[in-house]
Amino acid sequence: MTAQLTAVPERWATILKKLNQLDELFEGCISNKRIQCASCILSREGKVFAHRSMGPLRPDTPDKHFLPDSLRRIASVH
């Protein structure tokens, strides 16, 4: 779920709290089947502090997880 990080999120307690809220939002949307998977990369002051993904890579292969370096086709964006 995480990739190599170049900055530590604990330096920014407020941002870490928001990052946890973002994870909860994505996990809730995935468990409610509103989205299949989610990914985000966040940086501050030019340093990446979060690069994570969650959910299944494909709906027909729930054992394979969507990883930060996974490639997916984007069908539509609203």
PDB file of N, CA and C in Angstrom:
ATOM      1  N   MET A   1       0.814  -1.192   0.000  1.00  0.00           N
ATOM      2  CA  MET A   1       0.000   0.000   0.000  1.00  0.00           C
ATOM      3  C   MET A   1       0.861   1.261   0.000  1.00  0.00           C
ATOM      4  N   THR A   2       2.093   1.175   0.463  1.00  0.00           N
ATOM      5  CA  THR A   2       2.940   2.359   0.424  1.00  0.00           C
ATOM      6  C   THR A   2       4.118   2.115  -0.490  1.00  0.00           C
ATOM      7  N   ALA A   3       4.666   3.165  -1.025  1.00  0.00           N
ATOM      8  CA  ALA A   3       5.855   3.115  -1.856  1.00  0.00           C
ATOM      9  C   ALA A   3       6.964   3.869  -1.128  1.00  0.00           C
ATOM     10  N   GLN A   4       8.096   3.990  -1.770  1.00  0.00           N
ATOM     11  CA  GLN A   4       9.205   4.714  -1.165  1.00  0.00           C
ATOM     12  C   GLN A   4       8.802   6.164  -0.902  1.00  0.00           C
ATOM     13  N   LEU A   5       9.063   6.632   0.301  1.00  0.00           N
ATOM     14  CA  LEU A   5       8.692   7.976   0.683  1.00  0.00           C
ATOM     15  C   LEU A   5       9.952   8.821   0.852  1.00  0.00           C
ATOM     16  N   THR A   6       9.883  10.075   0.455  1.00  0.00           N
ATOM     17  CA  THR A   6      11.038  10.954   0.592  1.00  0.00           C
ATOM     18  C   THR A   6      10.867  11.960   1.718  1.00  0.00           C
ATOM     19  N   ALA A   7       9.746  11.954   2.389  1.00  0.00           N
ATOM     20  CA  ALA A   7       9.510  12.815   3.551  1.00  0.00           C
ATOM     21  C   ALA A   7       8.636  12.049   4.528  1.00  0.00           C
ATOM     22  N   VAL A   8       8.709  12.384   5.776  1.00  0.00           N
ATOM     23  CA  VAL A   8       7.964  11.666   6.812  1.00  0.00           C
ATOM     24  C   VAL A   8       6.701  12.455   7.165  1.00  0.00           C
ATOM     25  N   PRO A   9       5.514  11.830   7.062  1.00  0.00           N
ATOM     26  CA  PRO A   9       4.281  12.572   7.328  1.00  0.00           C
ATOM     27  C   PRO A   9       4.142  13.011   8.774  1.00  0.00           C
ATOM     28  N   GLU A  10       4.803  12.357   9.720  1.00  0.00           N
ATOM     29  CA  GLU A  10       4.685  12.725  11.128  1.00  0.00           C
ATOM     30  C   GLU A  10       5.160  14.161  11.374  1.00  0.00           C
ATOM     31  N   ARG A  11       5.969  14.706  10.475  1.00  0.00           N
ATOM     32  CA  ARG A  11       6.404  16.105  10.632  1.00  0.00           C
ATOM     33  C   ARG A  11       5.224  17.045  10.568  1.00  0.00           C
ATOM     34  N   TRP A  12       4.175  16.619   9.947  1.00  0.00           N
ATOM     35  CA  TRP A  12       3.006  17.470   9.750  1.00  0.00           C
ATOM     36  C   TRP A  12       1.785  16.745  10.306  1.00  0.00           C
ATOM     37  N   ALA A  13       1.554  16.887  11.614  1.00  0.00           N
ATOM     38  CA  ALA A  13       0.485  16.146  12.285  1.00  0.00           C
ATOM     39  C   ALA A  13      -0.879  16.402  11.659  1.00  0.00           C
ATOM     40  N   THR A  14      -1.167  17.633  11.274  1.00  0.00           N
ATOM     41  CA  THR A  14      -2.455  17.956  10.665  1.00  0.00           C
ATOM     42  C   THR A  14      -2.617  17.212   9.347  1.00  0.00           C
ATOM     43  N   ILE A  15      -1.562  17.179   8.563  1.00  0.00           N
ATOM     44  CA  ILE A  15      -1.626  16.501   7.268  1.00  0.00           C
ATOM     45  C   ILE A  15      -1.793  14.999   7.471  1.00  0.00           C
ATOM     46  N   LEU A  16      -1.125  14.433   8.459  1.00  0.00           N
ATOM     47  CA  LEU A  16      -1.270  13.008   8.741  1.00  0.00           C
ATOM     48  C   LEU A  16      -2.714  12.680   9.117  1.00  0.00           C
ATOM     49  N   LYS A  17      -3.356  13.541   9.904  1.00  0.00           N
ATOM     50  CA  LYS A  17      -4.757  13.333  10.267  1.00  0.00           C
ATOM     51  C   LYS A  17      -5.644  13.356   9.018  1.00  0.00           C
ATOM     52  N   LYS A  18      -5.406  14.325   8.124  1.00  0.00           N
ATOM     53  CA  LYS A  18      -6.179  14.411   6.889  1.00  0.00           C
ATOM     54  C   LYS A  18      -5.913  13.210   5.993  1.00  0.00           C
ATOM     55  N   LEU A  19      -4.685  12.728   5.972  1.00  0.00           N
ATOM     56  CA  LEU A  19      -4.341  11.552   5.178  1.00  0.00           C
ATOM     57  C   LEU A  19      -5.110  10.329   5.674  1.00  0.00           C
ATOM     58  N   ASN A  20      -5.218  10.178   6.985  1.00  0.00           N
ATOM     59  CA  ASN A  20      -6.001   9.072   7.551  1.00  0.00           C
ATOM     60  C   ASN A  20      -7.476   9.204   7.178  1.00  0.00           C
ATOM     61  N   GLN A  21      -7.994  10.438   7.173  1.00  0.00           N
ATOM     62  CA  GLN A  21      -9.383  10.656   6.769  1.00  0.00           C
ATOM     63  C   GLN A  21      -9.582  10.307   5.295  1.00  0.00           C
ATOM     64  N   LEU A  22      -8.606  10.635   4.458  1.00  0.00           N
ATOM     65  CA  LEU A  22      -8.684  10.294   3.039  1.00  0.00           C
ATOM     66  C   LEU A  22      -8.693   8.780   2.855  1.00  0.00           C
ATOM     67  N   ASP A  23      -7.830   8.073   3.603  1.00  0.00           N
ATOM     68  CA  ASP A  23      -7.825   6.608   3.555  1.00  0.00           C
ATOM     69  C   ASP A  23      -9.186   6.042   3.938  1.00  0.00           C
ATOM     70  N   GLU A  24      -9.771   6.562   5.004  1.00  0.00           N
ATOM     71  CA  GLU A  24     -11.083   6.091   5.454  1.00  0.00           C
ATOM     72  C   GLU A  24     -12.154   6.344   4.402  1.00  0.00           C
ATOM     73  N   LEU A  25     -12.111   7.510   3.763  1.00  0.00           N
ATOM     74  CA  LEU A  25     -13.065   7.826   2.707  1.00  0.00           C
ATOM     75  C   LEU A  25     -12.943   6.837   1.554  1.00  0.00           C
ATOM     76  N   PHE A  26     -11.717   6.626   1.074  1.00  0.00           N
ATOM     77  CA  PHE A  26     -11.504   5.684  -0.028  1.00  0.00           C
ATOM     78  C   PHE A  26     -11.935   4.273   0.357  1.00  0.00           C
ATOM     79  N   GLU A  27     -11.535   3.822   1.556  1.00  0.00           N
ATOM     80  CA  GLU A  27     -11.896   2.467   1.992  1.00  0.00           C
ATOM     81  C   GLU A  27     -13.409   2.305   2.096  1.00  0.00           C
ATOM     82  N   GLY A  28     -14.111   3.339   2.580  1.00  0.00           N
ATOM     83  CA  GLY A  28     -15.571   3.294   2.657  1.00  0.00           C
ATOM     84  C   GLY A  28     -16.207   3.216   1.282  1.00  0.00           C
ATOM     85  N   CYS A  29     -15.708   4.012   0.342  1.00  0.00           N
ATOM     86  CA  CYS A  29     -16.241   3.981  -1.032  1.00  0.00           C
ATOM     87  C   CYS A  29     -15.998   2.625  -1.692  1.00  0.00           C
ATOM     88  N   ILE A  30     -14.850   2.034  -1.416  1.00  0.00           N
ATOM     89  CA  ILE A  30     -14.544   0.712  -1.984  1.00  0.00           C
ATOM     90  C   ILE A  30     -15.444  -0.346  -1.361  1.00  0.00           C
ATOM     91  N   SER A  31     -15.589  -0.328  -0.045  1.00  0.00           N
ATOM     92  CA  SER A  31     -16.418  -1.355   0.602  1.00  0.00           C
ATOM     93  C   SER A  31     -17.895  -1.208   0.253  1.00  0.00           C
ATOM     94  N   ASN A  32     -18.343   0.020  -0.040  1.00  0.00           N
ATOM     95  CA  ASN A  32     -19.734   0.248  -0.465  1.00  0.00           C
ATOM     96  C   ASN A  32     -19.925   0.079  -1.964  1.00  0.00           C
ATOM     97  N   LYS A  33     -18.857  -0.329  -2.646  1.00  0.00           N
ATOM     98  CA  LYS A  33     -18.878  -0.583  -4.099  1.00  0.00           C
ATOM     99  C   LYS A  33     -19.199   0.677  -4.914  1.00  0.00           C
ATOM    100  N   ARG A  34     -18.855   1.852  -4.379  1.00  0.00           N
ATOM    101  CA  ARG A  34     -19.021   3.097  -5.141  1.00  0.00           C
ATOM    102  C   ARG A  34     -17.874   3.280  -6.120  1.00  0.00           C
ATOM    103  N   ILE A  35     -16.691   2.787  -5.729  1.00  0.00           N
ATOM    104  CA  ILE A  35     -15.523   2.771  -6.608  1.00  0.00           C
ATOM    105  C   ILE A  35     -14.840   1.421  -6.459  1.00  0.00           C
ATOM    106  N   GLN A  36     -14.067   1.038  -7.445  1.00  0.00           N
ATOM    107  CA  GLN A  36     -13.366  -0.245  -7.387  1.00  0.00           C
ATOM    108  C   GLN A  36     -12.053  -0.134  -6.630  1.00  0.00           C
ATOM    109  N   CYS A  37     -11.308   0.934  -6.898  1.00  0.00           N
ATOM    110  CA  CYS A  37     -10.012   1.115  -6.264  1.00  0.00           C
ATOM    111  C   CYS A  37      -9.681   2.604  -6.235  1.00  0.00           C
ATOM    112  N   ALA A  38      -8.643   2.955  -5.482  1.00  0.00           N
ATOM    113  CA  ALA A  38      -8.250   4.364  -5.366  1.00  0.00           C
ATOM    114  C   ALA A  38      -6.748   4.447  -5.175  1.00  0.00           C
ATOM    115  N   SER A  39      -6.201   5.573  -5.593  1.00  0.00           N
ATOM    116  CA  SER A  39      -4.775   5.817  -5.436  1.00  0.00           C
ATOM    117  C   SER A  39      -4.541   7.307  -5.267  1.00  0.00           C
ATOM    118  N   CYS A  40      -3.526   7.665  -4.506  1.00  0.00           N
ATOM    119  CA  CYS A  40      -3.163   9.075  -4.364  1.00  0.00           C
ATOM    120  C   CYS A  40      -1.668   9.197  -4.129  1.00  0.00           C
ATOM    121  N   ILE A  41      -1.133  10.318  -4.541  1.00  0.00           N
ATOM    122  CA  ILE A  41       0.247  10.682  -4.235  1.00  0.00           C
ATOM    123  C   ILE A  41       0.211  12.131  -3.764  1.00  0.00           C
ATOM    124  N   LEU A  42       0.801  12.359  -2.605  1.00  0.00           N
ATOM    125  CA  LEU A  42       0.768  13.682  -2.001  1.00  0.00           C
ATOM    126  C   LEU A  42       2.181  14.138  -1.668  1.00  0.00           C
ATOM    127  N   SER A  43       2.417  15.432  -1.850  1.00  0.00           N
ATOM    128  CA  SER A  43       3.735  15.964  -1.516  1.00  0.00           C
ATOM    129  C   SER A  43       3.587  17.314  -0.835  1.00  0.00           C
ATOM    130  N   ARG A  44       4.648  17.698  -0.167  1.00  0.00           N
ATOM    131  CA  ARG A  44       4.704  19.015   0.478  1.00  0.00           C
ATOM    132  C   ARG A  44       6.150  19.476   0.440  1.00  0.00           C
ATOM    133  N   GLU A  45       6.317  20.722   0.104  1.00  0.00           N
ATOM    134  CA  GLU A  45       7.646  21.301   0.013  1.00  0.00           C
ATOM    135  C   GLU A  45       8.542  20.489  -0.928  1.00  0.00           C
ATOM    136  N   GLY A  46       7.933  19.968  -1.985  1.00  0.00           N
ATOM    137  CA  GLY A  46       8.675  19.204  -2.982  1.00  0.00           C
ATOM    138  C   GLY A  46       9.036  17.793  -2.580  1.00  0.00           C
ATOM    139  N   LYS A  47       8.517  17.299  -1.462  1.00  0.00           N
ATOM    140  CA  LYS A  47       8.829  15.953  -0.973  1.00  0.00           C
ATOM    141  C   LYS A  47       7.561  15.108  -0.916  1.00  0.00           C
ATOM    142  N   VAL A  48       7.624  13.914  -1.463  1.00  0.00           N
ATOM    143  CA  VAL A  48       6.495  12.978  -1.408  1.00  0.00           C
ATOM    144  C   VAL A  48       6.410  12.408   0.000  1.00  0.00           C
ATOM    145  N   PHE A  49       5.217  12.512   0.616  1.00  0.00           N
ATOM    146  CA  PHE A  49       5.042  11.920   1.938  1.00  0.00           C
ATOM    147  C   PHE A  49       3.962  10.847   1.959  1.00  0.00           C
ATOM    148  N   ALA A  50       3.226  10.682   0.881  1.00  0.00           N
ATOM    149  CA  ALA A  50       2.223   9.615   0.817  1.00  0.00           C
ATOM    150  C   ALA A  50       2.039   9.200  -0.637  1.00  0.00           C
ATOM    151  N   HIS A  51       2.145   7.916  -0.854  1.00  0.00           N
ATOM    152  CA  HIS A  51       1.884   7.333  -2.175  1.00  0.00           C
ATOM    153  C   HIS A  51       1.277   5.974  -1.890  1.00  0.00           C
ATOM    154  N   ARG A  52      -0.027   5.914  -1.999  1.00  0.00           N
ATOM    155  CA  ARG A  52      -0.725   4.693  -1.601  1.00  0.00           C
ATOM    156  C   ARG A  52      -1.867   4.369  -2.545  1.00  0.00           C
ATOM    157  N   SER A  53      -2.242   3.122  -2.498  1.00  0.00           N
ATOM    158  CA  SER A  53      -3.354   2.627  -3.308  1.00  0.00           C
ATOM    159  C   SER A  53      -4.091   1.573  -2.511  1.00  0.00           C
ATOM    160  N   MET A  54      -5.352   1.360  -2.859  1.00  0.00           N
ATOM    161  CA  MET A  54      -6.140   0.343  -2.165  1.00  0.00           C
ATOM    162  C   MET A  54      -7.248  -0.168  -3.075  1.00  0.00           C
ATOM    163  N   GLY A  55      -7.723  -1.353  -2.750  1.00  0.00           N
ATOM    164  CA  GLY A  55      -8.778  -1.976  -3.530  1.00  0.00           C
ATOM    165  C   GLY A  55      -8.229  -3.015  -4.485  1.00  0.00           C
ATOM    166  N   PRO A  56      -9.112  -3.777  -5.124  1.00  0.00           N
ATOM    167  CA  PRO A  56      -8.665  -4.802  -6.077  1.00  0.00           C
ATOM    168  C   PRO A  56      -8.227  -4.169  -7.397  1.00  0.00           C
ATOM    169  N   LEU A  57      -7.234  -4.766  -8.025  1.00  0.00           N
ATOM    170  CA  LEU A  57      -6.746  -4.272  -9.307  1.00  0.00           C
ATOM    171  C   LEU A  57      -7.837  -4.377 -10.368  1.00  0.00           C
ATOM    172  N   ARG A  58      -8.548  -5.503 -10.389  1.00  0.00           N
ATOM    173  CA  ARG A  58      -9.641  -5.725 -11.345  1.00  0.00           C
ATOM    174  C   ARG A  58     -10.806  -6.367 -10.608  1.00  0.00           C
ATOM    175  N   PRO A  59     -12.025  -6.137 -11.076  1.00  0.00           N
ATOM    176  CA  PRO A  59     -13.177  -6.732 -10.378  1.00  0.00           C
ATOM    177  C   PRO A  59     -13.207  -8.258 -10.448  1.00  0.00           C
ATOM    178  N   ASP A  60     -12.618  -8.832 -11.475  1.00  0.00           N
ATOM    179  CA  ASP A  60     -12.645 -10.292 -11.616  1.00  0.00           C
ATOM    180  C   ASP A  60     -11.460 -10.973 -10.944  1.00  0.00           C
ATOM    181  N   THR A  61     -10.538 -10.209 -10.342  1.00  0.00           N
ATOM    182  CA  THR A  61      -9.392 -10.783  -9.626  1.00  0.00           C
ATOM    183  C   THR A  61      -9.228 -10.087  -8.271  1.00  0.00           C
ATOM    184  N   PRO A  62     -10.123 -10.380  -7.320  1.00  0.00           N
ATOM    185  CA  PRO A  62     -10.074  -9.683  -6.034  1.00  0.00           C
ATOM    186  C   PRO A  62      -8.802  -9.973  -5.230  1.00  0.00           C
ATOM    187  N   ASP A  63      -8.067 -11.031  -5.568  1.00  0.00           N
ATOM    188  CA  ASP A  63      -6.831 -11.359  -4.849  1.00  0.00           C
ATOM    189  C   ASP A  63      -5.671 -10.456  -5.246  1.00  0.00           C
ATOM    190  N   LYS A  64      -5.742  -9.825  -6.413  1.00  0.00           N
ATOM    191  CA  LYS A  64      -4.674  -8.943  -6.868  1.00  0.00           C
ATOM    192  C   LYS A  64      -5.014  -7.509  -6.476  1.00  0.00           C
ATOM    193  N   HIS A  65      -4.118  -6.898  -5.730  1.00  0.00           N
ATOM    194  CA  HIS A  65      -4.381  -5.568  -5.186  1.00  0.00           C
ATOM    195  C   HIS A  65      -3.877  -4.467  -6.109  1.00  0.00           C
ATOM    196  N   PHE A  66      -4.589  -3.348  -6.096  1.00  0.00           N
ATOM    197  CA  PHE A  66      -4.174  -2.149  -6.809  1.00  0.00           C
ATOM    198  C   PHE A  66      -3.025  -1.545  -6.012  1.00  0.00           C
ATOM    199  N   LEU A  67      -1.849  -1.450  -6.611  1.00  0.00           N
ATOM    200  CA  LEU A  67      -0.643  -0.966  -5.949  1.00  0.00           C
ATOM    201  C   LEU A  67      -0.279   0.427  -6.453  1.00  0.00           C
ATOM    202  N   PRO A  68       0.576   1.152  -5.726  1.00  0.00           N
ATOM    203  CA  PRO A  68       0.950   2.491  -6.182  1.00  0.00           C
ATOM    204  C   PRO A  68       1.533   2.538  -7.592  1.00  0.00           C
ATOM    205  N   ASP A  69       2.176   1.470  -8.023  1.00  0.00           N
ATOM    206  CA  ASP A  69       2.750   1.474  -9.374  1.00  0.00           C
ATOM    207  C   ASP A  69       1.902   0.715 -10.394  1.00  0.00           C
ATOM    208  N   SER A  70       0.671   0.353 -10.023  1.00  0.00           N
ATOM    209  CA  SER A  70      -0.234  -0.321 -10.956  1.00  0.00           C
ATOM    210  C   SER A  70      -0.700   0.654 -12.026  1.00  0.00           C
ATOM    211  N   LEU A  71      -0.944   0.135 -13.208  1.00  0.00           N
ATOM    212  CA  LEU A  71      -1.475   0.946 -14.306  1.00  0.00           C
ATOM    213  C   LEU A  71      -2.929   0.577 -14.532  1.00  0.00           C
ATOM    214  N   ARG A  72      -3.757   1.576 -14.697  1.00  0.00           N
ATOM    215  CA  ARG A  72      -5.176   1.372 -14.956  1.00  0.00           C
ATOM    216  C   ARG A  72      -5.618   2.313 -16.063  1.00  0.00           C
ATOM    217  N   ARG A  73      -6.572   1.866 -16.844  1.00  0.00           N
ATOM    218  CA  ARG A  73      -7.180   2.708 -17.866  1.00  0.00           C
ATOM    219  C   ARG A  73      -8.261   3.542 -17.192  1.00  0.00           C
ATOM    220  N   ILE A  74      -8.333   4.818 -17.534  1.00  0.00           N
ATOM    221  CA  ILE A  74      -9.379   5.698 -16.998  1.00  0.00           C
ATOM    222  C   ILE A  74     -10.487   5.786 -18.044  1.00  0.00           C
ATOM    223  N   ALA A  75     -11.681   5.325 -17.678  1.00  0.00           N
ATOM    224  CA  ALA A  75     -12.797   5.310 -18.625  1.00  0.00           C
ATOM    225  C   ALA A  75     -13.558   6.628 -18.611  1.00  0.00           C
ATOM    226  N   SER A  76     -13.758   7.184 -17.434  1.00  0.00           N
ATOM    227  CA  SER A  76     -14.478   8.457 -17.348  1.00  0.00           C
ATOM    228  C   SER A  76     -14.100   9.164 -16.071  1.00  0.00           C
ATOM    229  N   VAL A  77     -14.152  10.473 -16.085  1.00  0.00           N
ATOM    230  CA  VAL A  77     -13.864  11.288 -14.914  1.00  0.00           C
ATOM    231  C   VAL A  77     -14.961  12.336 -14.812  1.00  0.00           C
ATOM    232  N   HIS A  78     -15.576  12.403 -13.649  1.00  0.00           N
ATOM    233  CA  HIS A  78     -16.682  13.365 -13.459  1.00  0.00           C
ATOM    234  C   HIS A  78     -16.248  14.481 -12.567  1.00  0.00           C
TER     235      HIS A  78
END
